[in-house]
Amino acid sequence: MFAVGQYNPADRDLVHFSDACKDGMEVVVESRMQLFDDGIVLEANRDITERREIEVALGESELRLRWLASIVEASDDAIVSKNLDGIITSWNEGAARLRLLSRRGNRPAHYARDP
């Protein structure tokens, strides 16, 4: 017996269910049903547990990246990224302000020359 069902209104014939196997492992099943004119119902079920786990992991990874990006964007410190050739590829506002100051000649002694 299925414990939890999830109906997708955009696809009336598609339902996702969560169920526990005999060994206790939880699986997610995608069930697609089609009703034919003569009253016959065709049902196809597919285990999508691994796909769901990947989707959850991807979502968590995306949240972590957004969190880190917000730290970099909000930082007053200069943060730059370089490619393997040493070429600066991106920077935050702190680095932009420092670069602007260095162009005006208002730079600390350890920033004696531009990169």
N, C-alpha and C. Protein backbone atom coordinates (compact mmCIF):
# COMPACT_ATOMS: atom_id res chain seq x y z
N MET A 1 0.84 -1.18 0.00
CA MET A 1 0.00 0.00 0.00
C MET A 1 0.88 1.24 0.00
N PHE A 2 0.52 2.25 -0.81
CA PHE A 2 1.30 3.46 -0.92
C PHE A 2 0.99 4.40 0.23
N ALA A 3 2.04 4.98 0.79
CA ALA A 3 1.89 5.86 1.94
C ALA A 3 1.53 7.28 1.54
N VAL A 4 2.20 7.81 0.52
CA VAL A 4 1.99 9.20 0.12
C VAL A 4 1.86 9.28 -1.38
N GLY A 5 0.85 9.99 -1.86
CA GLY A 5 0.67 10.20 -3.29
C GLY A 5 0.76 11.67 -3.61
N GLN A 6 1.31 12.01 -4.79
CA GLN A 6 1.43 13.40 -5.21
C GLN A 6 0.89 13.51 -6.63
N TYR A 7 -0.14 14.31 -6.78
CA TYR A 7 -0.81 14.48 -8.07
C TYR A 7 -0.31 15.75 -8.74
N ASN A 8 -0.01 15.66 -10.02
CA ASN A 8 0.45 16.80 -10.79
C ASN A 8 -0.68 17.27 -11.70
N PRO A 9 -1.31 18.43 -11.39
CA PRO A 9 -2.44 18.89 -12.19
C PRO A 9 -2.07 19.18 -13.64
N ALA A 10 -0.81 19.51 -13.91
CA ALA A 10 -0.39 19.80 -15.28
C ALA A 10 -0.40 18.53 -16.13
N ASP A 11 -0.23 17.38 -15.49
CA ASP A 11 -0.24 16.10 -16.21
C ASP A 11 -1.21 15.19 -15.48
N ARG A 12 -2.47 15.19 -15.89
CA ARG A 12 -3.53 14.48 -15.17
C ARG A 12 -3.28 12.99 -15.04
N ASP A 13 -2.50 12.42 -15.94
CA ASP A 13 -2.31 10.98 -15.95
C ASP A 13 -1.07 10.54 -15.18
N LEU A 14 -0.37 11.48 -14.52
CA LEU A 14 0.88 11.17 -13.84
C LEU A 14 0.76 11.40 -12.34
N VAL A 15 1.13 10.39 -11.55
CA VAL A 15 1.07 10.48 -10.09
C VAL A 15 2.38 9.93 -9.54
N HIS A 16 2.90 10.57 -8.48
CA HIS A 16 4.10 10.08 -7.79
C HIS A 16 3.68 9.55 -6.42
N PHE A 17 4.20 8.38 -6.08
CA PHE A 17 3.90 7.76 -4.79
C PHE A 17 5.20 7.45 -4.06
N SER A 18 5.14 7.53 -2.74
CA SER A 18 6.24 7.04 -1.90
C SER A 18 5.74 5.80 -1.19
N ASP A 19 6.61 4.81 -1.09
CA ASP A 19 6.21 3.56 -0.46
C ASP A 19 7.43 2.96 0.22
N ALA A 20 7.20 2.11 1.19
CA ALA A 20 8.27 1.39 1.87
C ALA A 20 8.28 -0.05 1.39
N CYS A 21 9.46 -0.51 1.02
CA CYS A 21 9.62 -1.91 0.61
C CYS A 21 9.64 -2.81 1.83
N LYS A 22 9.62 -4.12 1.61
CA LYS A 22 9.66 -5.07 2.71
C LYS A 22 10.92 -4.92 3.55
N ASP A 23 12.03 -4.53 2.90
CA ASP A 23 13.28 -4.36 3.64
C ASP A 23 13.37 -3.01 4.34
N GLY A 24 12.31 -2.19 4.25
CA GLY A 24 12.26 -0.90 4.93
C GLY A 24 12.75 0.27 4.09
N MET A 25 13.33 0.00 2.93
CA MET A 25 13.80 1.07 2.06
C MET A 25 12.62 1.80 1.44
N GLU A 26 12.70 3.14 1.44
CA GLU A 26 11.63 3.94 0.84
C GLU A 26 11.93 4.15 -0.64
N VAL A 27 10.91 4.00 -1.46
CA VAL A 27 11.05 4.21 -2.90
C VAL A 27 10.01 5.22 -3.36
N VAL A 28 10.33 5.91 -4.43
CA VAL A 28 9.39 6.83 -5.05
C VAL A 28 9.04 6.24 -6.41
N VAL A 29 7.75 6.12 -6.66
CA VAL A 29 7.27 5.49 -7.90
C VAL A 29 6.47 6.51 -8.69
N GLU A 30 6.78 6.58 -9.97
CA GLU A 30 6.00 7.41 -10.89
C GLU A 30 5.00 6.49 -11.58
N SER A 31 3.73 6.83 -11.49
CA SER A 31 2.69 6.00 -12.06
C SER A 31 1.93 6.80 -13.11
N ARG A 32 1.87 6.25 -14.30
CA ARG A 32 1.15 6.90 -15.41
C ARG A 32 0.01 5.98 -15.81
N MET A 33 -1.19 6.55 -15.89
CA MET A 33 -2.37 5.76 -16.23
C MET A 33 -3.05 6.34 -17.46
N GLN A 34 -3.59 5.44 -18.28
CA GLN A 34 -4.31 5.87 -19.46
C GLN A 34 -5.58 5.04 -19.59
N LEU A 35 -6.71 5.70 -19.78
CA LEU A 35 -7.99 5.04 -19.96
C LEU A 35 -8.32 5.03 -21.45
N PHE A 36 -8.55 3.82 -21.97
CA PHE A 36 -8.91 3.68 -23.38
C PHE A 36 -10.43 3.72 -23.54
N ASP A 37 -10.89 3.93 -24.76
CA ASP A 37 -12.33 4.07 -25.04
C ASP A 37 -13.13 2.83 -24.65
N ASP A 38 -12.52 1.66 -24.72
CA ASP A 38 -13.25 0.43 -24.41
C ASP A 38 -13.24 0.10 -22.91
N GLY A 39 -12.80 1.08 -22.06
CA GLY A 39 -12.82 0.87 -20.61
C GLY A 39 -11.56 0.23 -20.05
N ILE A 40 -10.63 -0.10 -20.89
CA ILE A 40 -9.38 -0.71 -20.41
C ILE A 40 -8.47 0.39 -19.88
N VAL A 41 -7.84 0.12 -18.72
CA VAL A 41 -6.90 1.06 -18.11
C VAL A 41 -5.50 0.47 -18.23
N LEU A 42 -4.59 1.26 -18.75
CA LEU A 42 -3.19 0.86 -18.84
C LEU A 42 -2.42 1.67 -17.81
N GLU A 43 -1.69 0.98 -16.96
CA GLU A 43 -0.91 1.66 -15.93
C GLU A 43 0.54 1.23 -16.06
N ALA A 44 1.43 2.22 -16.05
CA ALA A 44 2.87 1.95 -16.10
C ALA A 44 3.51 2.61 -14.88
N ASN A 45 4.31 1.84 -14.15
CA ASN A 45 4.98 2.33 -12.95
C ASN A 45 6.49 2.30 -13.15
N ARG A 46 7.15 3.33 -12.63
CA ARG A 46 8.60 3.42 -12.77
C ARG A 46 9.20 3.91 -11.46
N ASP A 47 10.25 3.25 -11.00
CA ASP A 47 10.96 3.65 -9.78
C ASP A 47 11.83 4.86 -10.11
N ILE A 48 11.52 6.00 -9.49
CA ILE A 48 12.28 7.22 -9.72
C ILE A 48 13.00 7.68 -8.45
N THR A 49 13.27 6.76 -7.55
CA THR A 49 13.92 7.07 -6.28
C THR A 49 15.26 7.77 -6.50
N GLU A 50 16.09 7.21 -7.35
CA GLU A 50 17.42 7.78 -7.58
C GLU A 50 17.32 9.17 -8.20
N ARG A 51 16.38 9.35 -9.14
CA ARG A 51 16.19 10.66 -9.76
C ARG A 51 15.78 11.69 -8.71
N ARG A 52 14.88 11.32 -7.82
CA ARG A 52 14.44 12.23 -6.75
C ARG A 52 15.60 12.59 -5.83
N GLU A 53 16.43 11.60 -5.48
CA GLU A 53 17.59 11.87 -4.61
C GLU A 53 18.55 12.85 -5.28
N ILE A 54 18.75 12.69 -6.58
CA ILE A 54 19.62 13.59 -7.33
C ILE A 54 19.02 14.99 -7.38
N GLU A 55 17.70 15.08 -7.59
CA GLU A 55 17.03 16.38 -7.63
C GLU A 55 17.16 17.10 -6.29
N VAL A 56 17.01 16.37 -5.18
CA VAL A 56 17.14 16.96 -3.85
C VAL A 56 18.57 17.44 -3.62
N ALA A 57 19.55 16.59 -3.97
CA ALA A 57 20.97 16.96 -3.80
C ALA A 57 21.31 18.18 -4.65
N LEU A 58 20.79 18.24 -5.87
CA LEU A 58 21.04 19.38 -6.75
C LEU A 58 20.44 20.65 -6.16
N GLY A 59 19.24 20.56 -5.62
CA GLY A 59 18.60 21.71 -4.99
C GLY A 59 19.39 22.22 -3.79
N GLU A 60 19.89 21.29 -2.97
CA GLU A 60 20.70 21.67 -1.80
C GLU A 60 22.00 22.31 -2.24
N SER A 61 22.62 21.78 -3.28
CA SER A 61 23.85 22.34 -3.81
C SER A 61 23.63 23.75 -4.35
N GLU A 62 22.52 23.94 -5.04
CA GLU A 62 22.19 25.26 -5.57
C GLU A 62 21.99 26.27 -4.44
N LEU A 63 21.34 25.86 -3.36
CA LEU A 63 21.15 26.75 -2.21
C LEU A 63 22.49 27.14 -1.59
N ARG A 64 23.40 26.16 -1.45
CA ARG A 64 24.73 26.46 -0.89
C ARG A 64 25.49 27.45 -1.79
N LEU A 65 25.42 27.25 -3.10
CA LEU A 65 26.10 28.17 -4.02
C LEU A 65 25.52 29.57 -3.95
N ARG A 66 24.20 29.67 -3.84
CA ARG A 66 23.57 30.99 -3.72
C ARG A 66 23.98 31.66 -2.42
N TRP A 67 24.08 30.88 -1.35
CA TRP A 67 24.49 31.40 -0.05
C TRP A 67 25.92 31.94 -0.13
N LEU A 68 26.83 31.15 -0.74
CA LEU A 68 28.21 31.60 -0.89
C LEU A 68 28.30 32.83 -1.79
N ALA A 69 27.53 32.85 -2.86
CA ALA A 69 27.54 34.01 -3.75
C ALA A 69 27.05 35.26 -3.03
N SER A 70 26.07 35.12 -2.16
CA SER A 70 25.57 36.28 -1.42
C SER A 70 26.63 36.81 -0.45
N ILE A 71 27.44 35.91 0.13
CA ILE A 71 28.53 36.34 1.01
C ILE A 71 29.55 37.15 0.21
N VAL A 72 29.93 36.64 -0.97
CA VAL A 72 30.91 37.34 -1.80
C VAL A 72 30.37 38.69 -2.24
N GLU A 73 29.10 38.74 -2.66
CA GLU A 73 28.52 39.99 -3.12
C GLU A 73 28.39 41.02 -2.00
N ALA A 74 28.11 40.58 -0.78
CA ALA A 74 27.89 41.49 0.33
C ALA A 74 29.19 41.91 1.02
N SER A 75 30.28 41.26 0.71
CA SER A 75 31.55 41.54 1.39
C SER A 75 32.12 42.88 0.97
N ASP A 76 32.67 43.60 1.96
CA ASP A 76 33.39 44.84 1.67
C ASP A 76 34.82 44.55 1.24
N ASP A 77 35.29 43.33 1.48
CA ASP A 77 36.63 42.93 1.07
C ASP A 77 36.67 42.72 -0.43
N ALA A 78 37.86 42.93 -1.00
CA ALA A 78 38.05 42.69 -2.43
C ALA A 78 38.20 41.20 -2.65
N ILE A 79 37.35 40.64 -3.49
CA ILE A 79 37.39 39.21 -3.83
C ILE A 79 37.40 39.11 -5.35
N VAL A 80 38.45 38.46 -5.87
CA VAL A 80 38.55 38.27 -7.32
C VAL A 80 38.73 36.79 -7.62
N SER A 81 38.33 36.40 -8.80
CA SER A 81 38.60 35.03 -9.24
C SER A 81 39.44 35.10 -10.50
N LYS A 82 40.35 34.14 -10.62
CA LYS A 82 41.24 34.08 -11.77
C LYS A 82 41.13 32.71 -12.41
N ASN A 83 41.38 32.65 -13.71
CA ASN A 83 41.42 31.35 -14.37
C ASN A 83 42.81 30.74 -14.18
N LEU A 84 43.06 29.60 -14.75
CA LEU A 84 44.34 28.92 -14.55
C LEU A 84 45.52 29.68 -15.15
N ASP A 85 45.25 30.60 -16.07
CA ASP A 85 46.31 31.41 -16.67
C ASP A 85 46.59 32.67 -15.86
N GLY A 86 45.89 32.84 -14.74
CA GLY A 86 46.10 34.01 -13.89
C GLY A 86 45.33 35.24 -14.33
N ILE A 87 44.43 35.08 -15.26
CA ILE A 87 43.64 36.22 -15.75
C ILE A 87 42.40 36.38 -14.87
N ILE A 88 42.18 37.60 -14.39
CA ILE A 88 41.01 37.87 -13.54
C ILE A 88 39.75 37.73 -14.39
N THR A 89 38.83 36.89 -13.91
CA THR A 89 37.61 36.63 -14.67
C THR A 89 36.37 37.25 -14.03
N SER A 90 36.40 37.50 -12.72
CA SER A 90 35.27 38.14 -12.06
C SER A 90 35.74 38.77 -10.76
N TRP A 91 34.94 39.69 -10.23
CA TRP A 91 35.27 40.38 -9.00
C TRP A 91 33.99 40.89 -8.36
N ASN A 92 34.09 41.21 -7.07
CA ASN A 92 32.93 41.74 -6.36
C ASN A 92 33.04 43.26 -6.25
N GLU A 93 32.06 43.88 -5.61
CA GLU A 93 32.05 45.34 -5.47
C GLU A 93 33.24 45.85 -4.67
N GLY A 94 33.67 45.09 -3.66
CA GLY A 94 34.84 45.49 -2.87
C GLY A 94 36.07 45.62 -3.75
N ALA A 95 36.26 44.69 -4.66
CA ALA A 95 37.39 44.75 -5.59
C ALA A 95 37.22 45.90 -6.56
N ALA A 96 36.01 46.16 -7.00
CA ALA A 96 35.75 47.27 -7.92
C ALA A 96 36.08 48.60 -7.24
N ARG A 97 35.71 48.76 -5.97
CA ARG A 97 36.02 49.99 -5.24
C ARG A 97 37.52 50.16 -5.08
N LEU A 98 38.22 49.07 -4.76
CA LEU A 98 39.67 49.12 -4.60
C LEU A 98 40.34 49.50 -5.92
N ARG A 99 39.87 48.95 -7.01
CA ARG A 99 40.41 49.26 -8.34
C ARG A 99 40.18 50.73 -8.67
N LEU A 100 39.00 51.25 -8.33
CA LEU A 100 38.70 52.66 -8.57
C LEU A 100 39.63 53.53 -7.74
N LEU A 101 39.85 53.19 -6.49
CA LEU A 101 40.76 53.96 -5.64
C LEU A 101 42.17 53.92 -6.19
N SER A 102 42.62 52.75 -6.69
CA SER A 102 43.98 52.63 -7.19
C SER A 102 44.16 53.48 -8.45
N ARG A 103 43.12 53.60 -9.27
CA ARG A 103 43.21 54.45 -10.46
C ARG A 103 43.33 55.91 -10.08
N ARG A 104 42.76 56.29 -8.94
CA ARG A 104 42.83 57.67 -8.46
C ARG A 104 44.14 57.93 -7.72
N GLY A 105 44.93 56.91 -7.50
CA GLY A 105 46.18 57.07 -6.77
C GLY A 105 46.04 56.92 -5.27
N ASN A 106 44.88 56.52 -4.80
CA ASN A 106 44.63 56.34 -3.37
C ASN A 106 44.81 54.89 -2.97
N ARG A 107 45.95 54.33 -3.17
CA ARG A 107 46.15 52.91 -2.85
C ARG A 107 47.20 52.74 -1.77
N PRO A 108 47.07 51.68 -1.00
CA PRO A 108 48.10 51.41 0.02
C PRO A 108 49.43 51.07 -0.65
N ALA A 109 50.49 51.13 0.11
CA ALA A 109 51.84 50.90 -0.42
C ALA A 109 51.99 49.51 -1.03
N HIS A 110 51.34 48.49 -0.46
CA HIS A 110 51.51 47.14 -1.00
C HIS A 110 50.75 46.92 -2.31
N TYR A 111 49.99 47.94 -2.75
CA TYR A 111 49.37 47.91 -4.07
C TYR A 111 50.13 48.88 -4.97
N ALA A 112 51.42 48.73 -5.05
CA ALA A 112 52.27 49.69 -5.74
C ALA A 112 52.04 49.72 -7.25
N ARG A 113 51.64 48.59 -7.82
CA ARG A 113 51.40 48.59 -9.28
C ARG A 113 50.14 47.82 -9.59
N ASP A 114 49.54 48.14 -10.69
CA ASP A 114 48.32 47.45 -11.13
C ASP A 114 48.67 46.06 -11.61
N PRO A 115 47.76 45.09 -11.42
CA PRO A 115 48.04 43.72 -11.90
C PRO A 115 48.07 43.65 -13.42
